[in-house]
Amino acid sequence: WYGQAARTNWHWFDDRAEWRQMDKMGHAFSSFHCS
C-alpha cells in the first residue's frame, strides 16, 4: 500500500464518497474475521 510513497504532516481525510464505499466494506470484513 505505501511502498516508497512520500509523507506529509498527519491529517484527517473525508473519503466517504470514494470507491462506492467498497473500501469500507473491506474494513468491516477484515475487522470481523480478525475478531
PDB file of all heavy atoms in Angstrom:
ATOM      1  N   TRP A   1       0.794  -1.215   0.000  1.00  0.00           N
ATOM      2  CA  TRP A   1       0.000   0.000   0.000  1.00  0.00           C
ATOM      3  C   TRP A   1       0.832   1.273   0.000  1.00  0.00           C
ATOM      4  O   TRP A   1       0.482   2.254  -0.662  1.00  0.00           O
ATOM      5  CB  TRP A   1      -0.914   0.024   1.222  1.00  0.00           C
ATOM      6  CG  TRP A   1      -2.191  -0.720   1.022  1.00  0.00           C
ATOM      7  CD1 TRP A   1      -2.519  -1.929   1.538  1.00  0.00           C
ATOM      8  CD2 TRP A   1      -3.321  -0.319   0.236  1.00  0.00           C
ATOM      9  NE1 TRP A   1      -3.774  -2.301   1.129  1.00  0.00           N
ATOM     10  CE2 TRP A   1      -4.289  -1.336   0.330  1.00  0.00           C
ATOM     11  CE3 TRP A   1      -3.599   0.807  -0.530  1.00  0.00           C
ATOM     12  CZ2 TRP A   1      -5.524  -1.263  -0.309  1.00  0.00           C
ATOM     13  CZ3 TRP A   1      -4.825   0.889  -1.173  1.00  0.00           C
ATOM     14  CH2 TRP A   1      -5.765  -0.137  -1.060  1.00  0.00           C
ATOM     15  N   TYR A   2       1.914   1.277   0.766  1.00  0.00           N
ATOM     16  CA  TYR A   2       2.626   2.529   0.990  1.00  0.00           C
ATOM     17  C   TYR A   2       3.943   2.621   0.219  1.00  0.00           C
ATOM     18  O   TYR A   2       4.304   3.667  -0.282  1.00  0.00           O
ATOM     19  CB  TYR A   2       2.860   2.741   2.490  1.00  0.00           C
ATOM     20  CG  TYR A   2       1.575   2.689   3.280  1.00  0.00           C
ATOM     21  CD1 TYR A   2       1.219   1.553   3.997  1.00  0.00           C
ATOM     22  CD2 TYR A   2       0.689   3.761   3.273  1.00  0.00           C
ATOM     23  CE1 TYR A   2       0.033   1.497   4.704  1.00  0.00           C
ATOM     24  CE2 TYR A   2      -0.507   3.716   3.979  1.00  0.00           C
ATOM     25  CZ  TYR A   2      -0.827   2.573   4.700  1.00  0.00           C
ATOM     26  OH  TYR A   2      -2.006   2.520   5.376  1.00  0.00           O
ATOM     27  N   GLY A   3       4.659   1.475   0.140  1.00  0.00           N
ATOM     28  CA  GLY A   3       5.885   1.435  -0.637  1.00  0.00           C
ATOM     29  C   GLY A   3       6.822   2.582  -0.305  1.00  0.00           C
ATOM     30  O   GLY A   3       7.139   2.843   0.853  1.00  0.00           O
ATOM     31  N   GLN A   4       7.237   3.292  -1.354  1.00  0.00           N
ATOM     32  CA  GLN A   4       8.139   4.429  -1.189  1.00  0.00           C
ATOM     33  C   GLN A   4       7.384   5.755  -1.286  1.00  0.00           C
ATOM     34  O   GLN A   4       7.952   6.779  -1.682  1.00  0.00           O
ATOM     35  CB  GLN A   4       9.231   4.372  -2.266  1.00  0.00           C
ATOM     36  CG  GLN A   4      10.049   3.097  -2.260  1.00  0.00           C
ATOM     37  CD  GLN A   4      10.790   2.902  -0.953  1.00  0.00           C
ATOM     38  OE1 GLN A   4      11.342   3.849  -0.395  1.00  0.00           O
ATOM     39  NE2 GLN A   4      10.811   1.667  -0.462  1.00  0.00           N
ATOM     40  N   ALA A   5       6.104   5.743  -0.951  1.00  0.00           N
ATOM     41  CA  ALA A   5       5.301   6.959  -1.078  1.00  0.00           C
ATOM     42  C   ALA A   5       5.831   8.073  -0.192  1.00  0.00           C
ATOM     43  O   ALA A   5       6.381   7.845   0.891  1.00  0.00           O
ATOM     44  CB  ALA A   5       3.845   6.657  -0.709  1.00  0.00           C
ATOM     45  N   ALA A   6       5.668   9.311  -0.677  1.00  0.00           N
ATOM     46  CA  ALA A   6       6.094  10.473   0.100  1.00  0.00           C
ATOM     47  C   ALA A   6       5.193  10.634   1.322  1.00  0.00           C
ATOM     48  O   ALA A   6       4.064  10.116   1.358  1.00  0.00           O
ATOM     49  CB  ALA A   6       6.031  11.722  -0.776  1.00  0.00           C
ATOM     50  N   ARG A   7       5.687  11.346   2.310  1.00  0.00           N
ATOM     51  CA  ARG A   7       4.935  11.560   3.544  1.00  0.00           C
ATOM     52  C   ARG A   7       4.695  13.054   3.749  1.00  0.00           C
ATOM     53  O   ARG A   7       5.432  13.905   3.260  1.00  0.00           O
ATOM     54  CB  ARG A   7       5.692  10.993   4.749  1.00  0.00           C
ATOM     55  CG  ARG A   7       6.033   9.498   4.643  1.00  0.00           C
ATOM     56  CD  ARG A   7       4.794   8.640   4.619  1.00  0.00           C
ATOM     57  NE  ARG A   7       5.094   7.244   4.407  1.00  0.00           N
ATOM     58  CZ  ARG A   7       5.271   6.364   5.390  1.00  0.00           C
ATOM     59  NH1 ARG A   7       5.201   6.765   6.646  1.00  0.00           N
ATOM     60  NH2 ARG A   7       5.511   5.097   5.119  1.00  0.00           N
ATOM     61  N   THR A   8       3.641  13.372   4.494  1.00  0.00           N
ATOM     62  CA  THR A   8       3.329  14.742   4.854  1.00  0.00           C
ATOM     63  C   THR A   8       2.918  14.781   6.315  1.00  0.00           C
ATOM     64  O   THR A   8       2.973  13.748   7.012  1.00  0.00           O
ATOM     65  CB  THR A   8       2.203  15.291   3.954  1.00  0.00           C
ATOM     66  OG1 THR A   8       2.026  16.677   4.231  1.00  0.00           O
ATOM     67  CG2 THR A   8       0.899  14.544   4.201  1.00  0.00           C
ATOM     68  N   ASN A   9       2.509  15.944   6.821  1.00  0.00           N
ATOM     69  CA  ASN A   9       2.060  16.041   8.203  1.00  0.00           C
ATOM     70  C   ASN A   9       0.777  15.227   8.394  1.00  0.00           C
ATOM     71  O   ASN A   9      -0.065  15.156   7.496  1.00  0.00           O
ATOM     72  CB  ASN A   9       1.812  17.505   8.582  1.00  0.00           C
ATOM     73  CG  ASN A   9       3.082  18.320   8.599  1.00  0.00           C
ATOM     74  OD1 ASN A   9       4.171  17.790   8.871  1.00  0.00           O
ATOM     75  ND2 ASN A   9       2.968  19.607   8.309  1.00  0.00           N
ATOM     76  N   TRP A  10       0.628  14.654   9.566  1.00  0.00           N
ATOM     77  CA  TRP A  10      -0.524  13.795   9.846  1.00  0.00           C
ATOM     78  C   TRP A  10      -1.808  14.625   9.772  1.00  0.00           C
ATOM     79  O   TRP A  10      -1.877  15.744  10.282  1.00  0.00           O
ATOM     80  CB  TRP A  10      -0.398  13.159  11.223  1.00  0.00           C
ATOM     81  CG  TRP A  10      -1.310  11.995  11.436  1.00  0.00           C
ATOM     82  CD1 TRP A  10      -1.061  10.693  11.177  1.00  0.00           C
ATOM     83  CD2 TRP A  10      -2.656  12.049  11.948  1.00  0.00           C
ATOM     84  NE1 TRP A  10      -2.151   9.921  11.487  1.00  0.00           N
ATOM     85  CE2 TRP A  10      -3.142  10.717  11.964  1.00  0.00           C
ATOM     86  CE3 TRP A  10      -3.485  13.071  12.386  1.00  0.00           C
ATOM     87  CZ2 TRP A  10      -4.418  10.400  12.407  1.00  0.00           C
ATOM     88  CZ3 TRP A  10      -4.763  12.760  12.817  1.00  0.00           C
ATOM     89  CH2 TRP A  10      -5.221  11.435  12.832  1.00  0.00           C
ATOM     90  N   HIS A  11      -2.870  14.057   9.138  1.00  0.00           N
ATOM     91  CA  HIS A  11      -4.107  14.800   8.961  1.00  0.00           C
ATOM     92  C   HIS A  11      -5.264  13.834   8.734  1.00  0.00           C
ATOM     93  O   HIS A  11      -5.071  12.666   8.388  1.00  0.00           O
ATOM     94  CB  HIS A  11      -3.996  15.753   7.760  1.00  0.00           C
ATOM     95  CG  HIS A  11      -3.728  15.043   6.461  1.00  0.00           C
ATOM     96  ND1 HIS A  11      -2.488  14.544   6.142  1.00  0.00           N
ATOM     97  CD2 HIS A  11      -4.550  14.739   5.417  1.00  0.00           C
ATOM     98  CE1 HIS A  11      -2.539  13.967   4.952  1.00  0.00           C
ATOM     99  NE2 HIS A  11      -3.775  14.054   4.494  1.00  0.00           N
ATOM    100  N   TRP A  12      -6.493  14.336   8.917  1.00  0.00           N
ATOM    101  CA  TRP A  12      -7.706  13.596   8.621  1.00  0.00           C
ATOM    102  C   TRP A  12      -8.111  13.824   7.170  1.00  0.00           C
ATOM    103  O   TRP A  12      -7.739  14.815   6.552  1.00  0.00           O
ATOM    104  CB  TRP A  12      -8.855  14.031   9.531  1.00  0.00           C
ATOM    105  CG  TRP A  12      -8.705  13.639  10.954  1.00  0.00           C
ATOM    106  CD1 TRP A  12      -8.284  14.441  11.980  1.00  0.00           C
ATOM    107  CD2 TRP A  12      -8.986  12.365  11.531  1.00  0.00           C
ATOM    108  NE1 TRP A  12      -8.270  13.743  13.157  1.00  0.00           N
ATOM    109  CE2 TRP A  12      -8.703  12.457  12.914  1.00  0.00           C
ATOM    110  CE3 TRP A  12      -9.433  11.150  11.019  1.00  0.00           C
ATOM    111  CZ2 TRP A  12      -8.864  11.389  13.792  1.00  0.00           C
ATOM    112  CZ3 TRP A  12      -9.597  10.078  11.894  1.00  0.00           C
ATOM    113  CH2 TRP A  12      -9.309  10.198  13.251  1.00  0.00           C
ATOM    114  N   PHE A  13      -8.912  12.890   6.644  1.00  0.00           N
ATOM    115  CA  PHE A  13      -9.370  12.985   5.259  1.00  0.00           C
ATOM    116  C   PHE A  13     -10.745  12.346   5.159  1.00  0.00           C
ATOM    117  O   PHE A  13     -10.972  11.248   5.671  1.00  0.00           O
ATOM    118  CB  PHE A  13      -8.381  12.255   4.337  1.00  0.00           C
ATOM    119  CG  PHE A  13      -8.753  12.283   2.887  1.00  0.00           C
ATOM    120  CD1 PHE A  13      -8.606  13.437   2.146  1.00  0.00           C
ATOM    121  CD2 PHE A  13      -9.260  11.145   2.259  1.00  0.00           C
ATOM    122  CE1 PHE A  13      -8.941  13.463   0.795  1.00  0.00           C
ATOM    123  CE2 PHE A  13      -9.599  11.164   0.911  1.00  0.00           C
ATOM    124  CZ  PHE A  13      -9.438  12.333   0.179  1.00  0.00           C
ATOM    125  N   ASP A  14     -11.692  13.044   4.527  1.00  0.00           N
ATOM    126  CA  ASP A  14     -13.056  12.535   4.376  1.00  0.00           C
ATOM    127  C   ASP A  14     -13.159  11.771   3.054  1.00  0.00           C
ATOM    128  O   ASP A  14     -13.201  12.360   1.978  1.00  0.00           O
ATOM    129  CB  ASP A  14     -14.050  13.700   4.390  1.00  0.00           C
ATOM    130  CG  ASP A  14     -15.502  13.222   4.380  1.00  0.00           C
ATOM    131  OD1 ASP A  14     -15.726  11.982   4.337  1.00  0.00           O
ATOM    132  OD2 ASP A  14     -16.409  14.076   4.410  1.00  0.00           O
ATOM    133  N   ASP A  15     -13.212  10.447   3.131  1.00  0.00           N
ATOM    134  CA  ASP A  15     -13.247   9.616   1.920  1.00  0.00           C
ATOM    135  C   ASP A  15     -14.555   8.857   1.780  1.00  0.00           C
ATOM    136  O   ASP A  15     -14.619   7.827   1.116  1.00  0.00           O
ATOM    137  CB  ASP A  15     -12.068   8.634   1.916  1.00  0.00           C
ATOM    138  CG  ASP A  15     -12.131   7.653   3.083  1.00  0.00           C
ATOM    139  OD1 ASP A  15     -12.921   7.875   4.025  1.00  0.00           O
ATOM    140  OD2 ASP A  15     -11.376   6.661   3.060  1.00  0.00           O
ATOM    141  N   ARG A  16     -15.618   9.378   2.378  1.00  0.00           N
ATOM    142  CA  ARG A  16     -16.891   8.659   2.356  1.00  0.00           C
ATOM    143  C   ARG A  16     -17.433   8.470   0.942  1.00  0.00           C
ATOM    144  O   ARG A  16     -18.148   7.506   0.681  1.00  0.00           O
ATOM    145  CB  ARG A  16     -17.930   9.396   3.204  1.00  0.00           C
ATOM    146  CG  ARG A  16     -17.696   9.327   4.696  1.00  0.00           C
ATOM    147  CD  ARG A  16     -18.682  10.211   5.424  1.00  0.00           C
ATOM    148  NE  ARG A  16     -18.480  11.615   5.096  1.00  0.00           N
ATOM    149  CZ  ARG A  16     -19.321  12.595   5.438  1.00  0.00           C
ATOM    150  NH1 ARG A  16     -20.442  12.301   6.102  1.00  0.00           N
ATOM    151  NH2 ARG A  16     -19.070  13.848   5.122  1.00  0.00           N
ATOM    152  N   ALA A  17     -17.125   9.404   0.045  1.00  0.00           N
ATOM    153  CA  ALA A  17     -17.691   9.351  -1.307  1.00  0.00           C
ATOM    154  C   ALA A  17     -16.814   8.589  -2.294  1.00  0.00           C
ATOM    155  O   ALA A  17     -17.111   8.587  -3.488  1.00  0.00           O
ATOM    156  CB  ALA A  17     -17.913  10.782  -1.816  1.00  0.00           C
ATOM    157  N   GLU A  18     -15.777   7.922  -1.812  1.00  0.00           N
ATOM    158  CA  GLU A  18     -14.832   7.280  -2.731  1.00  0.00           C
ATOM    159  C   GLU A  18     -15.120   5.793  -2.907  1.00  0.00           C
ATOM    160  O   GLU A  18     -15.601   5.117  -1.997  1.00  0.00           O
ATOM    161  CB  GLU A  18     -13.406   7.478  -2.218  1.00  0.00           C
ATOM    162  CG  GLU A  18     -12.963   8.937  -2.238  1.00  0.00           C
ATOM    163  CD  GLU A  18     -11.485   9.096  -1.956  1.00  0.00           C
ATOM    164  OE1 GLU A  18     -10.842   8.106  -1.514  1.00  0.00           O
ATOM    165  OE2 GLU A  18     -10.960  10.207  -2.168  1.00  0.00           O
ATOM    166  N   TRP A  19     -14.806   5.294  -4.110  1.00  0.00           N
ATOM    167  CA  TRP A  19     -14.815   3.869  -4.439  1.00  0.00           C
ATOM    168  C   TRP A  19     -16.145   3.182  -4.146  1.00  0.00           C
ATOM    169  O   TRP A  19     -16.189   1.994  -3.875  1.00  0.00           O
ATOM    170  CB  TRP A  19     -13.687   3.132  -3.703  1.00  0.00           C
ATOM    171  CG  TRP A  19     -12.323   3.654  -3.998  1.00  0.00           C
ATOM    172  CD1 TRP A  19     -11.473   4.255  -3.120  1.00  0.00           C
ATOM    173  CD2 TRP A  19     -11.623   3.589  -5.249  1.00  0.00           C
ATOM    174  NE1 TRP A  19     -10.306   4.610  -3.748  1.00  0.00           N
ATOM    175  CE2 TRP A  19     -10.365   4.209  -5.069  1.00  0.00           C
ATOM    176  CE3 TRP A  19     -11.950   3.079  -6.514  1.00  0.00           C
ATOM    177  CZ2 TRP A  19      -9.436   4.319  -6.089  1.00  0.00           C
ATOM    178  CZ3 TRP A  19     -11.030   3.204  -7.537  1.00  0.00           C
ATOM    179  CH2 TRP A  19      -9.784   3.812  -7.316  1.00  0.00           C
ATOM    180  N   ARG A  20     -17.241   3.962  -4.211  1.00  0.00           N
ATOM    181  CA  ARG A  20     -18.567   3.383  -3.952  1.00  0.00           C
ATOM    182  C   ARG A  20     -18.624   2.659  -2.603  1.00  0.00           C
ATOM    183  O   ARG A  20     -19.348   1.680  -2.421  1.00  0.00           O
ATOM    184  CB  ARG A  20     -18.967   2.422  -5.071  1.00  0.00           C
ATOM    185  CG  ARG A  20     -19.124   3.066  -6.433  1.00  0.00           C
ATOM    186  CD  ARG A  20     -20.467   3.759  -6.554  1.00  0.00           C
ATOM    187  NE  ARG A  20     -20.706   4.276  -7.894  1.00  0.00           N
ATOM    188  CZ  ARG A  20     -21.820   4.886  -8.262  1.00  0.00           C
ATOM    189  NH1 ARG A  20     -22.793   5.068  -7.395  1.00  0.00           N
ATOM    190  NH2 ARG A  20     -21.967   5.345  -9.486  1.00  0.00           N
ATOM    191  N   GLN A  21     -17.817   3.116  -1.647  1.00  0.00           N
ATOM    192  CA  GLN A  21     -17.727   2.572  -0.276  1.00  0.00           C
ATOM    193  C   GLN A  21     -17.231   1.120  -0.235  1.00  0.00           C
ATOM    194  O   GLN A  21     -17.379   0.431   0.787  1.00  0.00           O
ATOM    195  CB  GLN A  21     -19.063   2.679   0.471  1.00  0.00           C
ATOM    196  CG  GLN A  21     -19.518   4.110   0.722  1.00  0.00           C
ATOM    197  CD  GLN A  21     -20.115   4.766  -0.504  1.00  0.00           C
ATOM    198  OE1 GLN A  21     -20.980   4.186  -1.167  1.00  0.00           O
ATOM    199  NE2 GLN A  21     -19.660   5.979  -0.821  1.00  0.00           N
ATOM    200  N   MET A  22     -16.634   0.646  -1.313  1.00  0.00           N
ATOM    201  CA  MET A  22     -16.111  -0.722  -1.303  1.00  0.00           C
ATOM    202  C   MET A  22     -14.989  -0.883  -0.281  1.00  0.00           C
ATOM    203  O   MET A  22     -14.844  -1.946   0.341  1.00  0.00           O
ATOM    204  CB  MET A  22     -15.613  -1.091  -2.697  1.00  0.00           C
ATOM    205  CG  MET A  22     -16.716  -1.328  -3.713  1.00  0.00           C
ATOM    206  SD  MET A  22     -17.742  -2.749  -3.305  1.00  0.00           S
ATOM    207  CE  MET A  22     -16.549  -4.083  -3.496  1.00  0.00           C
ATOM    208  N   ASP A  23     -14.181   0.161  -0.103  1.00  0.00           N
ATOM    209  CA  ASP A  23     -13.104   0.074   0.875  1.00  0.00           C
ATOM    210  C   ASP A  23     -13.642  -0.052   2.290  1.00  0.00           C
ATOM    211  O   ASP A  23     -13.051  -0.725   3.139  1.00  0.00           O
ATOM    212  CB  ASP A  23     -12.172   1.282   0.762  1.00  0.00           C
ATOM    213  CG  ASP A  23     -12.906   2.603   0.910  1.00  0.00           C
ATOM    214  OD1 ASP A  23     -14.075   2.704   0.474  1.00  0.00           O
ATOM    215  OD2 ASP A  23     -12.308   3.545   1.467  1.00  0.00           O
ATOM    216  N   LYS A  24     -14.791   0.553   2.564  1.00  0.00           N
ATOM    217  CA  LYS A  24     -15.389   0.461   3.902  1.00  0.00           C
ATOM    218  C   LYS A  24     -15.865  -0.969   4.177  1.00  0.00           C
ATOM    219  O   LYS A  24     -15.749  -1.477   5.300  1.00  0.00           O
ATOM    220  CB  LYS A  24     -16.561   1.432   4.028  1.00  0.00           C
ATOM    221  CG  LYS A  24     -16.192   2.876   3.717  1.00  0.00           C
ATOM    222  CD  LYS A  24     -15.135   3.390   4.685  1.00  0.00           C
ATOM    223  CE  LYS A  24     -14.690   4.793   4.323  1.00  0.00           C
ATOM    224  NZ  LYS A  24     -13.740   4.815   3.188  1.00  0.00           N
ATOM    225  N   MET A  25     -16.379  -1.604   3.151  1.00  0.00           N
ATOM    226  CA  MET A  25     -16.796  -2.999   3.314  1.00  0.00           C
ATOM    227  C   MET A  25     -15.597  -3.890   3.583  1.00  0.00           C
ATOM    228  O   MET A  25     -15.673  -4.849   4.363  1.00  0.00           O
ATOM    229  CB  MET A  25     -17.556  -3.451   2.076  1.00  0.00           C
ATOM    230  CG  MET A  25     -18.848  -2.691   1.873  1.00  0.00           C
ATOM    231  SD  MET A  25     -19.823  -3.305   0.492  1.00  0.00           S
ATOM    232  CE  MET A  25     -21.178  -2.128   0.545  1.00  0.00           C
ATOM    233  N   GLY A  26     -14.477  -3.575   2.936  1.00  0.00           N
ATOM    234  CA  GLY A  26     -13.264  -4.332   3.206  1.00  0.00           C
ATOM    235  C   GLY A  26     -12.798  -4.168   4.635  1.00  0.00           C
ATOM    236  O   GLY A  26     -12.343  -5.126   5.268  1.00  0.00           O
ATOM    237  N   HIS A  27     -12.920  -2.971   5.170  1.00  0.00           N
ATOM    238  CA  HIS A  27     -12.544  -2.738   6.570  1.00  0.00           C
ATOM    239  C   HIS A  27     -13.416  -3.555   7.513  1.00  0.00           C
ATOM    240  O   HIS A  27     -12.924  -4.190   8.458  1.00  0.00           O
ATOM    241  CB  HIS A  27     -12.659  -1.250   6.900  1.00  0.00           C
ATOM    242  CG  HIS A  27     -11.486  -0.434   6.486  1.00  0.00           C
ATOM    243  ND1 HIS A  27     -10.403  -0.209   7.313  1.00  0.00           N
ATOM    244  CD2 HIS A  27     -11.200   0.196   5.325  1.00  0.00           C
ATOM    245  CE1 HIS A  27      -9.516   0.534   6.694  1.00  0.00           C
ATOM    246  NE2 HIS A  27      -9.971   0.800   5.473  1.00  0.00           N
ATOM    247  N   ALA A  28     -14.736  -3.523   7.288  1.00  0.00           N
ATOM    248  CA  ALA A  28     -15.650  -4.270   8.152  1.00  0.00           C
ATOM    249  C   ALA A  28     -15.395  -5.769   8.060  1.00  0.00           C
ATOM    250  O   ALA A  28     -15.394  -6.480   9.078  1.00  0.00           O
ATOM    251  CB  ALA A  28     -17.100  -3.942   7.783  1.00  0.00           C
ATOM    252  N   PHE A  29     -15.186  -6.277   6.841  1.00  0.00           N
ATOM    253  CA  PHE A  29     -14.893  -7.694   6.626  1.00  0.00           C
ATOM    254  C   PHE A  29     -13.643  -8.112   7.390  1.00  0.00           C
ATOM    255  O   PHE A  29     -13.628  -9.119   8.113  1.00  0.00           O
ATOM    256  CB  PHE A  29     -14.721  -7.946   5.130  1.00  0.00           C
ATOM    257  CG  PHE A  29     -14.143  -9.292   4.777  1.00  0.00           C
ATOM    258  CD1 PHE A  29     -14.961 -10.399   4.639  1.00  0.00           C
ATOM    259  CD2 PHE A  29     -12.776  -9.448   4.587  1.00  0.00           C
ATOM    260  CE1 PHE A  29     -14.427 -11.641   4.310  1.00  0.00           C
ATOM    261  CE2 PHE A  29     -12.238 -10.678   4.256  1.00  0.00           C
ATOM    262  CZ  PHE A  29     -13.065 -11.782   4.125  1.00  0.00           C
ATOM    263  N   SER A  30     -12.571  -7.342   7.227  1.00  0.00           N
ATOM    264  CA  SER A  30     -11.309  -7.682   7.877  1.00  0.00           C
ATOM    265  C   SER A  30     -11.425  -7.637   9.389  1.00  0.00           C
ATOM    266  O   SER A  30     -10.912  -8.513  10.095  1.00  0.00           O
ATOM    267  CB  SER A  30     -10.223  -6.710   7.391  1.00  0.00           C
ATOM    268  OG  SER A  30      -9.002  -6.953   8.036  1.00  0.00           O
ATOM    269  N   SER A  31     -12.112  -6.616   9.905  1.00  0.00           N
ATOM    270  CA  SER A  31     -12.247  -6.477  11.353  1.00  0.00           C
ATOM    271  C   SER A  31     -13.075  -7.612  11.943  1.00  0.00           C
ATOM    272  O   SER A  31     -12.770  -8.129  13.027  1.00  0.00           O
ATOM    273  CB  SER A  31     -12.881  -5.124  11.669  1.00  0.00           C
ATOM    274  OG  SER A  31     -12.891  -4.885  13.055  1.00  0.00           O
ATOM    275  N   PHE A  32     -14.142  -8.025  11.249  1.00  0.00           N
ATOM    276  CA  PHE A  32     -14.964  -9.139  11.727  1.00  0.00           C
ATOM    277  C   PHE A  32     -14.127 -10.405  11.871  1.00  0.00           C
ATOM    278  O   PHE A  32     -14.144 -11.069  12.926  1.00  0.00           O
ATOM    279  CB  PHE A  32     -16.125  -9.377  10.761  1.00  0.00           C
ATOM    280  CG  PHE A  32     -16.983 -10.567  11.103  1.00  0.00           C
ATOM    281  CD1 PHE A  32     -18.119 -10.419  11.874  1.00  0.00           C
ATOM    282  CD2 PHE A  32     -16.652 -11.848  10.661  1.00  0.00           C
ATOM    283  CE1 PHE A  32     -18.919 -11.515  12.197  1.00  0.00           C
ATOM    284  CE2 PHE A  32     -17.431 -12.945  10.974  1.00  0.00           C
ATOM    285  CZ  PHE A  32     -18.575 -12.776  11.753  1.00  0.00           C
ATOM    286  N   HIS A  33     -13.406 -10.772  10.819  1.00  0.00           N
ATOM    287  CA  HIS A  33     -12.682 -12.046  10.850  1.00  0.00           C
ATOM    288  C   HIS A  33     -11.442 -11.982  11.732  1.00  0.00           C
ATOM    289  O   HIS A  33     -11.028 -13.008  12.289  1.00  0.00           O
ATOM    290  CB  HIS A  33     -12.340 -12.473   9.429  1.00  0.00           C
ATOM    291  CG  HIS A  33     -13.525 -12.999   8.679  1.00  0.00           C
ATOM    292  ND1 HIS A  33     -14.106 -14.209   8.978  1.00  0.00           N
ATOM    293  CD2 HIS A  33     -14.259 -12.464   7.663  1.00  0.00           C
ATOM    294  CE1 HIS A  33     -15.140 -14.414   8.177  1.00  0.00           C
ATOM    295  NE2 HIS A  33     -15.252 -13.377   7.374  1.00  0.00           N
ATOM    296  N   CYS A  34     -10.858 -10.807  11.876  1.00  0.00           N
ATOM    297  CA  CYS A  34      -9.764 -10.667  12.833  1.00  0.00           C
ATOM    298  C   CYS A  34     -10.282 -10.906  14.249  1.00  0.00           C
ATOM    299  O   CYS A  34      -9.660 -11.629  15.036  1.00  0.00           O
ATOM    300  CB  CYS A  34      -9.148  -9.277  12.700  1.00  0.00           C
ATOM    301  SG  CYS A  34      -7.740  -8.984  13.789  1.00  0.00           S
ATOM    302  N   SER A  35     -11.428 -10.308  14.581  1.00  0.00           N
ATOM    303  CA  SER A  35     -12.024 -10.533  15.912  1.00  0.00           C
ATOM    304  C   SER A  35     -12.409 -11.992  16.090  1.00  0.00           C
ATOM    305  O   SER A  35     -12.225 -12.571  17.174  1.00  0.00           O
ATOM    306  CB  SER A  35     -13.261  -9.641  16.073  1.00  0.00           C
ATOM    307  OG  SER A  35     -12.920  -8.278  16.037  1.00  0.00           O
TER     308      SER A  35
END
